[in-house]
Amino acid sequence: MDKQKLKDREAKVIELATAFCNEKLDEECAMLCTKLIQKLGRKRTNPLQSGKLEIWAAAAVYTICSINFIFGKDSRLYLSSRDICEYFGTNNSTTAQKSKTIKELLKIRQFFDPDFSLKEIADENPFSILRMSNGFIVFD
């Protein structure tokens, strides 16, 4: 697949994911989804070159929701995985599996990732004040 077709597919996935976020979540989630999809698009073997665009968009949203605890009923943005799948017309297990693939490709931690966390989640993370220095964990 040529570069332009890949960029067009990436843009369409971004468009689908951000439309969902703007309707059901918020602007920060839309920005995180965009960032995640763009990072996927920079992989040497671009995973967006195959598969349904709706599944990639659903999986990107699912990934952002899962690492930001949005599936938890006490989240201010609460949403179920079913809501995502119904919107995109995807199967829950397929969407979850594709989300797992995204996390593996981008080396995203299961629950907290500094690159893809909402500001409110990052601010509440007790480990955000720790960093490595000369092989030792130190407080910032």
N, C-alpha and C. Protein backbone atom coordinates (compact mmCIF):
# COMPACT_ATOMS: atom_id res chain seq x y z
N MET A 1 0.85 -1.19 0.00
CA MET A 1 0.00 0.00 0.00
C MET A 1 0.89 1.24 0.00
N ASP A 2 0.58 2.21 -0.86
CA ASP A 2 1.43 3.40 -0.93
C ASP A 2 1.19 4.32 0.27
N LYS A 3 2.15 5.24 0.46
CA LYS A 3 2.12 6.13 1.63
C LYS A 3 0.85 6.96 1.71
N GLN A 4 0.38 7.46 0.58
CA GLN A 4 -0.81 8.32 0.58
C GLN A 4 -2.05 7.55 1.03
N LYS A 5 -2.19 6.31 0.57
CA LYS A 5 -3.33 5.49 0.99
C LYS A 5 -3.27 5.20 2.48
N LEU A 6 -2.06 4.95 2.99
CA LEU A 6 -1.90 4.72 4.43
C LEU A 6 -2.27 5.97 5.22
N LYS A 7 -1.82 7.13 4.75
CA LYS A 7 -2.14 8.39 5.43
C LYS A 7 -3.65 8.65 5.39
N ASP A 8 -4.29 8.32 4.27
CA ASP A 8 -5.74 8.49 4.15
C ASP A 8 -6.48 7.58 5.13
N ARG A 9 -6.00 6.33 5.26
CA ARG A 9 -6.61 5.38 6.21
C ARG A 9 -6.42 5.90 7.64
N GLU A 10 -5.22 6.36 7.95
CA GLU A 10 -4.95 6.91 9.28
C GLU A 10 -5.87 8.09 9.58
N ALA A 11 -6.01 8.98 8.61
CA ALA A 11 -6.88 10.16 8.79
C ALA A 11 -8.33 9.74 9.03
N LYS A 12 -8.78 8.73 8.35
CA LYS A 12 -10.17 8.26 8.51
C LYS A 12 -10.36 7.64 9.89
N VAL A 13 -9.38 6.86 10.36
CA VAL A 13 -9.46 6.26 11.70
C VAL A 13 -9.49 7.38 12.75
N ILE A 14 -8.66 8.40 12.57
CA ILE A 14 -8.65 9.54 13.49
C ILE A 14 -10.00 10.24 13.48
N GLU A 15 -10.53 10.43 12.30
CA GLU A 15 -11.84 11.09 12.16
C GLU A 15 -12.94 10.31 12.89
N LEU A 16 -12.95 9.00 12.72
CA LEU A 16 -13.96 8.16 13.38
C LEU A 16 -13.80 8.22 14.90
N ALA A 17 -12.57 8.06 15.38
CA ALA A 17 -12.31 8.04 16.83
C ALA A 17 -12.62 9.39 17.47
N THR A 18 -12.21 10.48 16.83
CA THR A 18 -12.45 11.79 17.43
C THR A 18 -13.94 12.15 17.40
N ALA A 19 -14.64 11.73 16.37
CA ALA A 19 -16.09 11.98 16.33
C ALA A 19 -16.76 11.29 17.52
N PHE A 20 -16.36 10.07 17.80
CA PHE A 20 -16.91 9.34 18.95
C PHE A 20 -16.57 10.09 20.25
N CYS A 21 -15.30 10.44 20.41
CA CYS A 21 -14.87 11.11 21.64
C CYS A 21 -15.58 12.45 21.84
N ASN A 22 -15.72 13.20 20.77
CA ASN A 22 -16.39 14.49 20.88
C ASN A 22 -17.87 14.33 21.24
N GLU A 23 -18.47 13.24 20.82
CA GLU A 23 -19.88 12.99 21.12
C GLU A 23 -20.09 12.35 22.49
N LYS A 24 -19.24 11.40 22.85
CA LYS A 24 -19.48 10.60 24.06
C LYS A 24 -18.52 10.87 25.22
N LEU A 25 -17.34 11.41 24.93
CA LEU A 25 -16.34 11.61 25.98
C LEU A 25 -15.98 13.09 26.09
N ASP A 26 -14.76 13.46 25.76
CA ASP A 26 -14.38 14.87 25.77
C ASP A 26 -13.21 15.13 24.82
N GLU A 27 -12.83 16.38 24.73
CA GLU A 27 -11.79 16.80 23.79
C GLU A 27 -10.43 16.20 24.14
N GLU A 28 -10.13 16.06 25.42
CA GLU A 28 -8.85 15.49 25.82
C GLU A 28 -8.75 14.03 25.37
N CYS A 29 -9.83 13.28 25.48
CA CYS A 29 -9.84 11.89 24.99
C CYS A 29 -9.64 11.85 23.49
N ALA A 30 -10.26 12.78 22.77
CA ALA A 30 -10.10 12.87 21.32
C ALA A 30 -8.64 13.12 20.96
N MET A 31 -8.00 14.01 21.71
CA MET A 31 -6.59 14.32 21.47
C MET A 31 -5.71 13.10 21.75
N LEU A 32 -6.00 12.37 22.81
CA LEU A 32 -5.21 11.18 23.14
C LEU A 32 -5.40 10.08 22.08
N CYS A 33 -6.62 9.92 21.59
CA CYS A 33 -6.87 8.95 20.52
C CYS A 33 -6.10 9.32 19.26
N THR A 34 -6.11 10.60 18.93
CA THR A 34 -5.38 11.08 17.75
C THR A 34 -3.89 10.77 17.90
N LYS A 35 -3.35 11.09 19.07
CA LYS A 35 -1.93 10.84 19.34
C LYS A 35 -1.61 9.35 19.22
N LEU A 36 -2.47 8.51 19.76
CA LEU A 36 -2.27 7.06 19.72
C LEU A 36 -2.31 6.55 18.27
N ILE A 37 -3.28 6.99 17.49
CA ILE A 37 -3.42 6.53 16.11
C ILE A 37 -2.24 7.02 15.26
N GLN A 38 -1.80 8.24 15.48
CA GLN A 38 -0.65 8.76 14.75
C GLN A 38 0.61 7.96 15.09
N LYS A 39 0.75 7.58 16.34
CA LYS A 39 1.91 6.78 16.74
C LYS A 39 1.85 5.40 16.08
N LEU A 40 0.66 4.82 16.01
CA LEU A 40 0.50 3.54 15.29
C LEU A 40 0.91 3.69 13.83
N GLY A 41 0.52 4.81 13.22
CA GLY A 41 0.82 5.06 11.82
C GLY A 41 2.30 5.24 11.52
N ARG A 42 3.09 5.48 12.56
CA ARG A 42 4.54 5.65 12.37
C ARG A 42 5.31 4.34 12.54
N LYS A 43 4.61 3.26 12.88
CA LYS A 43 5.29 1.97 13.04
C LYS A 43 5.84 1.53 11.69
N ARG A 44 6.98 0.86 11.70
CA ARG A 44 7.61 0.40 10.46
C ARG A 44 6.64 -0.43 9.63
N THR A 45 6.04 -1.42 10.27
CA THR A 45 4.98 -2.18 9.63
C THR A 45 3.68 -1.59 10.14
N ASN A 46 3.09 -0.72 9.37
CA ASN A 46 1.91 0.03 9.80
C ASN A 46 0.70 -0.92 9.95
N PRO A 47 0.20 -1.09 11.18
CA PRO A 47 -0.92 -2.00 11.39
C PRO A 47 -2.23 -1.50 10.77
N LEU A 48 -2.30 -0.22 10.49
CA LEU A 48 -3.53 0.36 9.93
C LEU A 48 -3.73 0.02 8.45
N GLN A 49 -2.73 -0.62 7.86
CA GLN A 49 -2.83 -0.93 6.42
C GLN A 49 -3.83 -2.03 6.12
N SER A 50 -4.25 -2.77 7.13
CA SER A 50 -5.25 -3.81 6.88
C SER A 50 -6.29 -3.78 7.99
N GLY A 51 -7.42 -4.37 7.70
CA GLY A 51 -8.50 -4.41 8.67
C GLY A 51 -9.49 -3.28 8.48
N LYS A 52 -10.64 -3.44 9.13
CA LYS A 52 -11.70 -2.43 9.03
C LYS A 52 -11.32 -1.19 9.84
N LEU A 53 -11.55 -0.05 9.25
CA LEU A 53 -11.22 1.21 9.91
C LEU A 53 -12.02 1.39 11.20
N GLU A 54 -13.27 0.93 11.20
CA GLU A 54 -14.12 1.06 12.39
C GLU A 54 -13.54 0.25 13.56
N ILE A 55 -12.95 -0.90 13.26
CA ILE A 55 -12.35 -1.70 14.33
C ILE A 55 -11.13 -1.00 14.90
N TRP A 56 -10.30 -0.41 14.05
CA TRP A 56 -9.14 0.33 14.54
C TRP A 56 -9.56 1.53 15.38
N ALA A 57 -10.58 2.24 14.93
CA ALA A 57 -11.07 3.41 15.68
C ALA A 57 -11.63 2.96 17.03
N ALA A 58 -12.45 1.92 17.02
CA ALA A 58 -13.02 1.39 18.26
C ALA A 58 -11.92 0.93 19.21
N ALA A 59 -10.91 0.26 18.67
CA ALA A 59 -9.81 -0.24 19.50
C ALA A 59 -8.98 0.90 20.09
N ALA A 60 -8.80 1.97 19.33
CA ALA A 60 -8.06 3.12 19.85
C ALA A 60 -8.82 3.76 21.01
N VAL A 61 -10.12 3.95 20.83
CA VAL A 61 -10.95 4.51 21.91
C VAL A 61 -10.95 3.56 23.11
N TYR A 62 -11.11 2.27 22.86
CA TYR A 62 -11.12 1.26 23.92
C TYR A 62 -9.81 1.31 24.71
N THR A 63 -8.69 1.45 24.00
CA THR A 63 -7.38 1.51 24.66
C THR A 63 -7.29 2.72 25.57
N ILE A 64 -7.67 3.88 25.07
CA ILE A 64 -7.62 5.11 25.88
C ILE A 64 -8.56 4.98 27.08
N CYS A 65 -9.75 4.44 26.86
CA CYS A 65 -10.70 4.26 27.97
C CYS A 65 -10.16 3.29 29.02
N SER A 66 -9.55 2.21 28.59
CA SER A 66 -9.09 1.20 29.56
C SER A 66 -7.94 1.72 30.42
N ILE A 67 -7.00 2.45 29.85
CA ILE A 67 -5.88 2.92 30.67
C ILE A 67 -6.24 4.14 31.51
N ASN A 68 -7.39 4.73 31.24
CA ASN A 68 -7.85 5.90 32.01
C ASN A 68 -9.05 5.58 32.91
N PHE A 69 -9.32 4.31 33.11
CA PHE A 69 -10.36 3.84 34.04
C PHE A 69 -11.76 4.34 33.68
N ILE A 70 -12.00 4.62 32.41
CA ILE A 70 -13.30 5.15 31.99
C ILE A 70 -14.37 4.06 32.03
N PHE A 71 -13.96 2.80 32.04
CA PHE A 71 -14.93 1.71 32.15
C PHE A 71 -15.43 1.54 33.59
N GLY A 72 -14.79 2.22 34.53
CA GLY A 72 -15.22 2.16 35.93
C GLY A 72 -16.40 3.08 36.17
N LYS A 73 -17.42 2.60 36.85
CA LYS A 73 -18.65 3.37 37.05
C LYS A 73 -18.43 4.68 37.82
N ASP A 74 -17.33 4.80 38.55
CA ASP A 74 -17.08 6.03 39.28
C ASP A 74 -16.31 7.07 38.46
N SER A 75 -16.00 6.76 37.20
CA SER A 75 -15.32 7.72 36.32
C SER A 75 -16.29 8.82 35.92
N ARG A 76 -15.80 10.04 35.85
CA ARG A 76 -16.66 11.16 35.42
C ARG A 76 -17.08 11.00 33.96
N LEU A 77 -16.33 10.23 33.21
CA LEU A 77 -16.63 10.00 31.79
C LEU A 77 -17.22 8.62 31.53
N TYR A 78 -17.70 7.95 32.56
CA TYR A 78 -18.09 6.54 32.47
C TYR A 78 -18.72 6.16 31.13
N LEU A 79 -18.22 5.05 30.63
CA LEU A 79 -18.66 4.49 29.37
C LEU A 79 -18.39 3.00 29.44
N SER A 80 -19.23 2.19 28.85
CA SER A 80 -18.97 0.75 28.84
C SER A 80 -18.34 0.37 27.50
N SER A 81 -17.67 -0.76 27.48
CA SER A 81 -17.09 -1.23 26.22
C SER A 81 -18.20 -1.50 25.21
N ARG A 82 -19.37 -1.88 25.68
CA ARG A 82 -20.51 -2.11 24.80
C ARG A 82 -20.91 -0.83 24.07
N ASP A 83 -20.84 0.32 24.77
CA ASP A 83 -21.17 1.60 24.15
C ASP A 83 -20.25 1.86 22.95
N ILE A 84 -18.97 1.55 23.11
CA ILE A 84 -18.00 1.75 22.03
C ILE A 84 -18.33 0.84 20.85
N CYS A 85 -18.55 -0.43 21.15
CA CYS A 85 -18.80 -1.42 20.10
C CYS A 85 -20.11 -1.16 19.37
N GLU A 86 -21.13 -0.75 20.09
CA GLU A 86 -22.40 -0.43 19.43
C GLU A 86 -22.25 0.76 18.50
N TYR A 87 -21.53 1.76 18.92
CA TYR A 87 -21.33 2.97 18.12
C TYR A 87 -20.62 2.63 16.80
N PHE A 88 -19.57 1.82 16.90
CA PHE A 88 -18.76 1.50 15.72
C PHE A 88 -19.25 0.26 14.97
N GLY A 89 -20.21 -0.46 15.54
CA GLY A 89 -20.70 -1.68 14.90
C GLY A 89 -19.67 -2.80 14.91
N THR A 90 -18.93 -2.89 16.02
CA THR A 90 -17.89 -3.91 16.13
C THR A 90 -18.23 -4.92 17.22
N ASN A 91 -17.54 -6.02 17.20
CA ASN A 91 -17.70 -7.08 18.19
C ASN A 91 -16.81 -6.77 19.39
N ASN A 92 -17.30 -6.98 20.60
CA ASN A 92 -16.53 -6.65 21.80
C ASN A 92 -15.21 -7.42 21.87
N SER A 93 -15.25 -8.72 21.59
CA SER A 93 -14.00 -9.50 21.70
C SER A 93 -12.98 -9.08 20.64
N THR A 94 -13.44 -8.75 19.44
CA THR A 94 -12.53 -8.28 18.39
C THR A 94 -11.92 -6.94 18.78
N THR A 95 -12.74 -6.06 19.30
CA THR A 95 -12.26 -4.73 19.71
C THR A 95 -11.25 -4.86 20.86
N ALA A 96 -11.55 -5.69 21.84
CA ALA A 96 -10.64 -5.90 22.97
C ALA A 96 -9.32 -6.51 22.49
N GLN A 97 -9.39 -7.45 21.58
CA GLN A 97 -8.18 -8.09 21.05
C GLN A 97 -7.33 -7.09 20.28
N LYS A 98 -7.97 -6.24 19.49
CA LYS A 98 -7.23 -5.22 18.72
C LYS A 98 -6.62 -4.20 19.68
N SER A 99 -7.31 -3.88 20.77
CA SER A 99 -6.77 -2.99 21.78
C SER A 99 -5.52 -3.61 22.42
N LYS A 100 -5.57 -4.90 22.68
CA LYS A 100 -4.41 -5.61 23.23
C LYS A 100 -3.23 -5.52 22.25
N THR A 101 -3.52 -5.67 20.97
CA THR A 101 -2.49 -5.55 19.94
C THR A 101 -1.86 -4.14 19.96
N ILE A 102 -2.71 -3.12 20.08
CA ILE A 102 -2.22 -1.74 20.14
C ILE A 102 -1.30 -1.57 21.34
N LYS A 103 -1.73 -2.05 22.50
CA LYS A 103 -0.91 -1.91 23.72
C LYS A 103 0.44 -2.60 23.55
N GLU A 104 0.44 -3.76 22.92
CA GLU A 104 1.70 -4.47 22.70
C GLU A 104 2.60 -3.72 21.70
N LEU A 105 2.03 -3.27 20.60
CA LEU A 105 2.81 -2.56 19.58
C LEU A 105 3.43 -1.28 20.12
N LEU A 106 2.67 -0.55 20.93
CA LEU A 106 3.14 0.74 21.44
C LEU A 106 3.75 0.64 22.83
N LYS A 107 3.83 -0.60 23.35
CA LYS A 107 4.39 -0.84 24.69
C LYS A 107 3.70 0.02 25.75
N ILE A 108 2.37 0.01 25.70
CA ILE A 108 1.57 0.76 26.65
C ILE A 108 1.33 -0.10 27.88
N ARG A 109 1.56 0.47 29.03
CA ARG A 109 1.31 -0.25 30.28
C ARG A 109 -0.19 -0.50 30.43
N GLN A 110 -0.52 -1.52 31.19
CA GLN A 110 -1.92 -1.94 31.31
C GLN A 110 -2.85 -0.84 31.82
N PHE A 111 -2.43 -0.11 32.85
CA PHE A 111 -3.35 0.86 33.42
C PHE A 111 -2.86 2.30 33.40
N PHE A 112 -1.58 2.53 33.48
CA PHE A 112 -1.12 3.92 33.45
C PHE A 112 -0.01 4.05 32.43
N ASP A 113 -0.14 5.00 31.59
CA ASP A 113 0.91 5.32 30.62
C ASP A 113 1.00 6.83 30.54
N PRO A 114 2.17 7.39 30.80
CA PRO A 114 2.28 8.86 30.83
C PRO A 114 1.94 9.52 29.51
N ASP A 115 2.12 8.82 28.39
CA ASP A 115 1.84 9.42 27.09
C ASP A 115 0.36 9.43 26.74
N PHE A 116 -0.42 8.53 27.33
CA PHE A 116 -1.81 8.39 26.93
C PHE A 116 -2.80 8.49 28.09
N SER A 117 -2.37 9.13 29.17
CA SER A 117 -3.26 9.30 30.33
C SER A 117 -3.88 10.68 30.35
N LEU A 118 -5.13 10.72 30.79
CA LEU A 118 -5.79 11.99 31.02
C LEU A 118 -5.03 12.75 32.10
N LYS A 119 -5.04 14.06 32.03
CA LYS A 119 -4.32 14.86 33.02
C LYS A 119 -4.76 14.52 34.44
N GLU A 120 -6.06 14.34 34.64
CA GLU A 120 -6.56 14.04 35.99
C GLU A 120 -6.03 12.70 36.51
N ILE A 121 -5.83 11.74 35.63
CA ILE A 121 -5.29 10.43 36.01
C ILE A 121 -3.80 10.56 36.31
N ALA A 122 -3.08 11.27 35.45
CA ALA A 122 -1.64 11.47 35.65
C ALA A 122 -1.37 12.21 36.96
N ASP A 123 -2.20 13.21 37.27
CA ASP A 123 -2.01 13.99 38.50
C ASP A 123 -2.25 13.16 39.75
N GLU A 124 -3.13 12.15 39.66
CA GLU A 124 -3.44 11.32 40.82
C GLU A 124 -2.53 10.11 40.97
N ASN A 125 -1.68 9.86 39.98
CA ASN A 125 -0.82 8.69 40.02
C ASN A 125 0.29 8.89 41.05
N PRO A 126 0.34 8.04 42.09
CA PRO A 126 1.37 8.21 43.12
C PRO A 126 2.78 7.94 42.60
N PHE A 127 2.90 7.24 41.48
CA PHE A 127 4.23 6.94 40.94
C PHE A 127 4.76 8.03 40.01
N SER A 128 3.94 9.05 39.73
CA SER A 128 4.37 10.09 38.80
C SER A 128 5.51 10.94 39.37
N ILE A 129 5.72 10.89 40.67
CA ILE A 129 6.80 11.67 41.25
C ILE A 129 8.11 10.90 41.32
N LEU A 130 8.12 9.65 40.83
CA LEU A 130 9.32 8.83 40.84
C LEU A 130 9.95 8.82 39.46
N ARG A 131 11.27 8.74 39.43
CA ARG A 131 11.99 8.58 38.16
C ARG A 131 13.29 7.82 38.44
N MET A 132 13.89 7.31 37.37
CA MET A 132 15.15 6.60 37.50
C MET A 132 16.30 7.58 37.32
N SER A 133 17.31 7.47 38.17
CA SER A 133 18.52 8.27 38.05
C SER A 133 19.70 7.39 38.43
N ASN A 134 20.59 7.16 37.47
CA ASN A 134 21.77 6.31 37.70
C ASN A 134 21.39 4.94 38.28
N GLY A 135 20.28 4.40 37.80
CA GLY A 135 19.86 3.07 38.23
C GLY A 135 19.10 3.04 39.54
N PHE A 136 18.83 4.20 40.12
CA PHE A 136 18.08 4.26 41.37
C PHE A 136 16.78 5.00 41.17
N ILE A 137 15.77 4.61 41.92
CA ILE A 137 14.49 5.31 41.89
C ILE A 137 14.60 6.51 42.84
N VAL A 138 14.27 7.69 42.31
CA VAL A 138 14.33 8.91 43.12
C VAL A 138 13.02 9.67 42.99
N PHE A 139 12.75 10.52 43.97
CA PHE A 139 11.56 11.37 43.94
C PHE A 139 11.88 12.62 43.15
N ASP A 140 10.91 13.09 42.38
CA ASP A 140 11.07 14.37 41.67
C ASP A 140 10.76 15.50 42.59
